[in-house]
Each structure stands twice: as structure tokens, then as C-alpha cells.
Amino acid sequence: MNITERPDGTSVYATVDGDMVDQIANAFYGSHLGTAELIYERNQNLSLQPMVLPAGILIILPKYTPPEPPGQIQLWD
């Protein structure tokens, strides 16, 4: 992945032909669940692009902290 780190701590990815947002999210964050939506929120014009992206689109990859997994639950007392 061709990722550039900005001085403010955000990362920018330049697409190559055939990229898809969920694929980029999975490669950068380790999961596409919730992170693809995060990319779309930060890059609002990205939704105007086709699902399979052309080369040369700059996508800001915001910082993401995964939620803590839920603790163990007890079903009965």
C-alpha cells in the first residue's frame, strides 16, 4: 500500500486501479467492519466514485481505535 503520513498524524492512501474501499480498510486497519464506513465519513466525495476505484484518488485514512471487546456475561445467578 502506498500510504503517506501527514504531519498532523493522518494517513493518506493513493489508490491503484481495482482498489475498493473495504479492501483498503481491511489492509490498513485489519478489518473492514466499521472502518469502511469511517473512510466514507472522512472522504464524503468518495461515495460518488464507482465501487471499483480508479488509480490516483487520494483517500484520507483517519485514526481508528477499535472498541474494547465486551466482557464475559453471566446468564444465570
N, C-alpha and C. Protein backbone atom coordinates (compact mmCIF):
# COMPACT_ATOMS: atom_id res chain seq x y z
N MET A 1 0.84 -1.19 0.00
CA MET A 1 0.00 0.00 0.00
C MET A 1 0.88 1.24 0.00
N ASN A 2 0.50 2.22 -0.82
CA ASN A 2 1.23 3.46 -0.92
C ASN A 2 0.59 4.48 0.01
N ILE A 3 1.07 4.51 1.28
CA ILE A 3 0.49 5.38 2.29
C ILE A 3 1.50 6.44 2.69
N THR A 4 1.03 7.68 2.77
CA THR A 4 1.85 8.80 3.20
C THR A 4 1.32 9.29 4.54
N GLU A 5 2.22 9.50 5.48
CA GLU A 5 1.85 10.04 6.79
C GLU A 5 1.97 11.55 6.76
N ARG A 6 0.91 12.25 7.17
CA ARG A 6 0.92 13.71 7.21
C ARG A 6 1.44 14.18 8.58
N PRO A 7 1.92 15.42 8.66
CA PRO A 7 2.41 15.95 9.94
C PRO A 7 1.35 15.94 11.05
N ASP A 8 0.06 16.04 10.68
CA ASP A 8 -1.00 16.04 11.70
C ASP A 8 -1.37 14.64 12.18
N GLY A 9 -0.68 13.62 11.66
CA GLY A 9 -0.91 12.25 12.10
C GLY A 9 -1.88 11.45 11.26
N THR A 10 -2.55 12.09 10.30
CA THR A 10 -3.44 11.34 9.42
C THR A 10 -2.63 10.66 8.33
N SER A 11 -3.18 9.62 7.79
CA SER A 11 -2.53 8.88 6.71
C SER A 11 -3.33 9.09 5.43
N VAL A 12 -2.63 9.14 4.30
CA VAL A 12 -3.27 9.32 3.01
C VAL A 12 -2.84 8.18 2.10
N TYR A 13 -3.80 7.57 1.45
CA TYR A 13 -3.54 6.46 0.53
C TYR A 13 -3.90 6.89 -0.88
N ALA A 14 -3.02 6.60 -1.84
CA ALA A 14 -3.28 6.85 -3.25
C ALA A 14 -3.72 5.53 -3.89
N THR A 15 -4.92 5.53 -4.45
CA THR A 15 -5.46 4.28 -5.00
C THR A 15 -4.72 3.84 -6.25
N VAL A 16 -4.82 2.55 -6.50
CA VAL A 16 -4.37 1.96 -7.76
C VAL A 16 -5.61 1.36 -8.41
N ASP A 17 -5.57 1.15 -9.72
CA ASP A 17 -6.72 0.59 -10.43
C ASP A 17 -7.18 -0.70 -9.76
N GLY A 18 -8.48 -0.79 -9.50
CA GLY A 18 -9.05 -2.00 -8.95
C GLY A 18 -9.24 -1.99 -7.44
N ASP A 19 -8.75 -0.96 -6.75
CA ASP A 19 -8.96 -0.87 -5.30
C ASP A 19 -10.44 -0.73 -4.99
N MET A 20 -10.82 -1.20 -3.81
CA MET A 20 -12.17 -1.00 -3.29
C MET A 20 -12.01 -0.54 -1.84
N VAL A 21 -12.95 0.25 -1.36
CA VAL A 21 -12.83 0.84 -0.04
C VAL A 21 -12.74 -0.22 1.05
N ASP A 22 -13.56 -1.26 0.98
CA ASP A 22 -13.49 -2.29 2.03
C ASP A 22 -12.15 -3.03 2.00
N GLN A 23 -11.57 -3.20 0.84
CA GLN A 23 -10.26 -3.83 0.71
C GLN A 23 -9.19 -2.94 1.34
N ILE A 24 -9.27 -1.64 1.08
CA ILE A 24 -8.31 -0.69 1.66
C ILE A 24 -8.45 -0.68 3.18
N ALA A 25 -9.68 -0.64 3.68
CA ALA A 25 -9.92 -0.65 5.13
C ALA A 25 -9.37 -1.90 5.77
N ASN A 26 -9.60 -3.04 5.15
CA ASN A 26 -9.11 -4.30 5.70
C ASN A 26 -7.59 -4.33 5.74
N ALA A 27 -6.94 -3.85 4.69
CA ALA A 27 -5.48 -3.86 4.63
C ALA A 27 -4.88 -2.88 5.63
N PHE A 28 -5.49 -1.72 5.82
CA PHE A 28 -4.91 -0.69 6.69
C PHE A 28 -5.26 -0.91 8.16
N TYR A 29 -6.53 -1.22 8.44
CA TYR A 29 -6.99 -1.34 9.82
C TYR A 29 -7.03 -2.78 10.33
N GLY A 30 -6.96 -3.75 9.42
CA GLY A 30 -7.04 -5.15 9.84
C GLY A 30 -8.45 -5.69 9.83
N SER A 31 -9.41 -4.86 9.50
CA SER A 31 -10.82 -5.27 9.41
C SER A 31 -11.55 -4.22 8.59
N HIS A 32 -12.56 -4.66 7.87
CA HIS A 32 -13.39 -3.70 7.12
C HIS A 32 -14.67 -3.37 7.88
N LEU A 33 -14.93 -4.08 8.96
CA LEU A 33 -16.17 -3.87 9.71
C LEU A 33 -16.11 -2.56 10.50
N GLY A 34 -16.90 -1.60 10.09
CA GLY A 34 -16.94 -0.30 10.73
C GLY A 34 -15.89 0.67 10.21
N THR A 35 -14.81 0.15 9.67
CA THR A 35 -13.74 1.03 9.21
C THR A 35 -13.99 1.54 7.79
N ALA A 36 -14.65 0.77 6.96
CA ALA A 36 -15.01 1.25 5.62
C ALA A 36 -15.95 2.45 5.75
N GLU A 37 -16.88 2.37 6.70
CA GLU A 37 -17.80 3.48 6.94
C GLU A 37 -17.04 4.71 7.44
N LEU A 38 -16.03 4.48 8.26
CA LEU A 38 -15.19 5.56 8.77
C LEU A 38 -14.48 6.28 7.63
N ILE A 39 -13.99 5.51 6.67
CA ILE A 39 -13.32 6.10 5.50
C ILE A 39 -14.32 6.93 4.69
N TYR A 40 -15.52 6.40 4.47
CA TYR A 40 -16.54 7.15 3.73
C TYR A 40 -16.94 8.44 4.47
N GLU A 41 -17.03 8.39 5.81
CA GLU A 41 -17.38 9.58 6.57
C GLU A 41 -16.32 10.67 6.42
N ARG A 42 -15.07 10.27 6.40
CA ARG A 42 -13.96 11.24 6.31
C ARG A 42 -13.75 11.74 4.88
N ASN A 43 -14.13 10.95 3.90
CA ASN A 43 -13.95 11.27 2.48
C ASN A 43 -15.31 11.26 1.79
N GLN A 44 -16.11 12.28 2.04
CA GLN A 44 -17.51 12.27 1.62
C GLN A 44 -17.70 12.17 0.11
N ASN A 45 -16.80 12.70 -0.69
CA ASN A 45 -16.94 12.61 -2.15
C ASN A 45 -16.59 11.22 -2.68
N LEU A 46 -16.04 10.39 -1.83
CA LEU A 46 -15.66 9.03 -2.25
C LEU A 46 -16.89 8.21 -2.65
N SER A 47 -18.03 8.52 -2.06
CA SER A 47 -19.24 7.77 -2.40
C SER A 47 -19.72 8.06 -3.83
N LEU A 48 -19.19 9.11 -4.44
CA LEU A 48 -19.55 9.42 -5.83
C LEU A 48 -18.75 8.59 -6.82
N GLN A 49 -17.72 7.90 -6.34
CA GLN A 49 -16.87 7.08 -7.20
C GLN A 49 -17.50 5.70 -7.39
N PRO A 50 -17.10 4.98 -8.44
CA PRO A 50 -17.60 3.61 -8.60
C PRO A 50 -17.04 2.71 -7.50
N MET A 51 -17.67 1.55 -7.30
CA MET A 51 -17.23 0.63 -6.26
C MET A 51 -15.77 0.21 -6.47
N VAL A 52 -15.40 -0.08 -7.72
CA VAL A 52 -14.02 -0.40 -8.05
C VAL A 52 -13.36 0.91 -8.46
N LEU A 53 -12.43 1.36 -7.64
CA LEU A 53 -11.87 2.70 -7.79
C LEU A 53 -10.80 2.78 -8.87
N PRO A 54 -10.72 3.92 -9.54
CA PRO A 54 -9.63 4.14 -10.49
C PRO A 54 -8.36 4.54 -9.73
N ALA A 55 -7.26 4.56 -10.42
CA ALA A 55 -5.99 4.96 -9.82
C ALA A 55 -5.95 6.45 -9.57
N GLY A 56 -5.20 6.85 -8.54
CA GLY A 56 -4.92 8.25 -8.31
C GLY A 56 -5.84 9.00 -7.37
N ILE A 57 -6.81 8.33 -6.76
CA ILE A 57 -7.68 9.00 -5.80
C ILE A 57 -6.96 9.01 -4.46
N LEU A 58 -6.89 10.19 -3.83
CA LEU A 58 -6.27 10.29 -2.52
C LEU A 58 -7.34 10.11 -1.45
N ILE A 59 -7.13 9.14 -0.59
CA ILE A 59 -8.09 8.81 0.46
C ILE A 59 -7.44 9.05 1.81
N ILE A 60 -8.09 9.86 2.63
CA ILE A 60 -7.60 10.08 3.99
C ILE A 60 -8.06 8.90 4.85
N LEU A 61 -7.10 8.30 5.55
CA LEU A 61 -7.37 7.17 6.43
C LEU A 61 -7.29 7.69 7.87
N PRO A 62 -8.45 7.99 8.48
CA PRO A 62 -8.43 8.57 9.82
C PRO A 62 -7.94 7.56 10.86
N LYS A 63 -7.49 8.11 11.98
CA LYS A 63 -7.08 7.24 13.08
C LYS A 63 -8.31 6.50 13.59
N TYR A 64 -8.08 5.28 14.03
CA TYR A 64 -9.18 4.44 14.49
C TYR A 64 -8.72 3.61 15.67
N THR A 65 -9.47 3.66 16.73
CA THR A 65 -9.22 2.83 17.90
C THR A 65 -10.35 1.82 17.98
N PRO A 66 -10.03 0.53 17.82
CA PRO A 66 -11.11 -0.46 17.87
C PRO A 66 -11.76 -0.49 19.25
N PRO A 67 -13.06 -0.74 19.29
CA PRO A 67 -13.74 -0.79 20.59
C PRO A 67 -13.24 -1.97 21.41
N GLU A 68 -13.32 -1.80 22.72
CA GLU A 68 -12.96 -2.89 23.62
C GLU A 68 -13.96 -4.03 23.44
N PRO A 69 -13.47 -5.27 23.40
CA PRO A 69 -14.42 -6.38 23.30
C PRO A 69 -15.26 -6.44 24.58
N PRO A 70 -16.52 -6.84 24.43
CA PRO A 70 -17.36 -6.91 25.63
C PRO A 70 -16.83 -7.96 26.59
N GLY A 71 -17.03 -7.68 27.85
CA GLY A 71 -16.59 -8.64 28.87
C GLY A 71 -17.48 -9.87 28.87
N GLN A 72 -17.10 -10.81 29.66
CA GLN A 72 -17.88 -12.04 29.76
C GLN A 72 -19.18 -11.75 30.49
N ILE A 73 -20.28 -12.29 29.97
CA ILE A 73 -21.56 -12.08 30.64
C ILE A 73 -21.97 -13.36 31.35
N GLN A 74 -22.75 -13.17 32.39
CA GLN A 74 -23.25 -14.31 33.17
C GLN A 74 -24.75 -14.41 32.92
N LEU A 75 -25.19 -15.55 32.41
CA LEU A 75 -26.59 -15.71 32.05
C LEU A 75 -27.48 -16.01 33.25
N TRP A 76 -26.96 -16.72 34.25
CA TRP A 76 -27.74 -17.07 35.42
C TRP A 76 -26.97 -16.71 36.68
N ASP A 77 -27.72 -16.42 37.75
CA ASP A 77 -27.09 -16.13 39.05
C ASP A 77 -26.64 -17.38 39.73
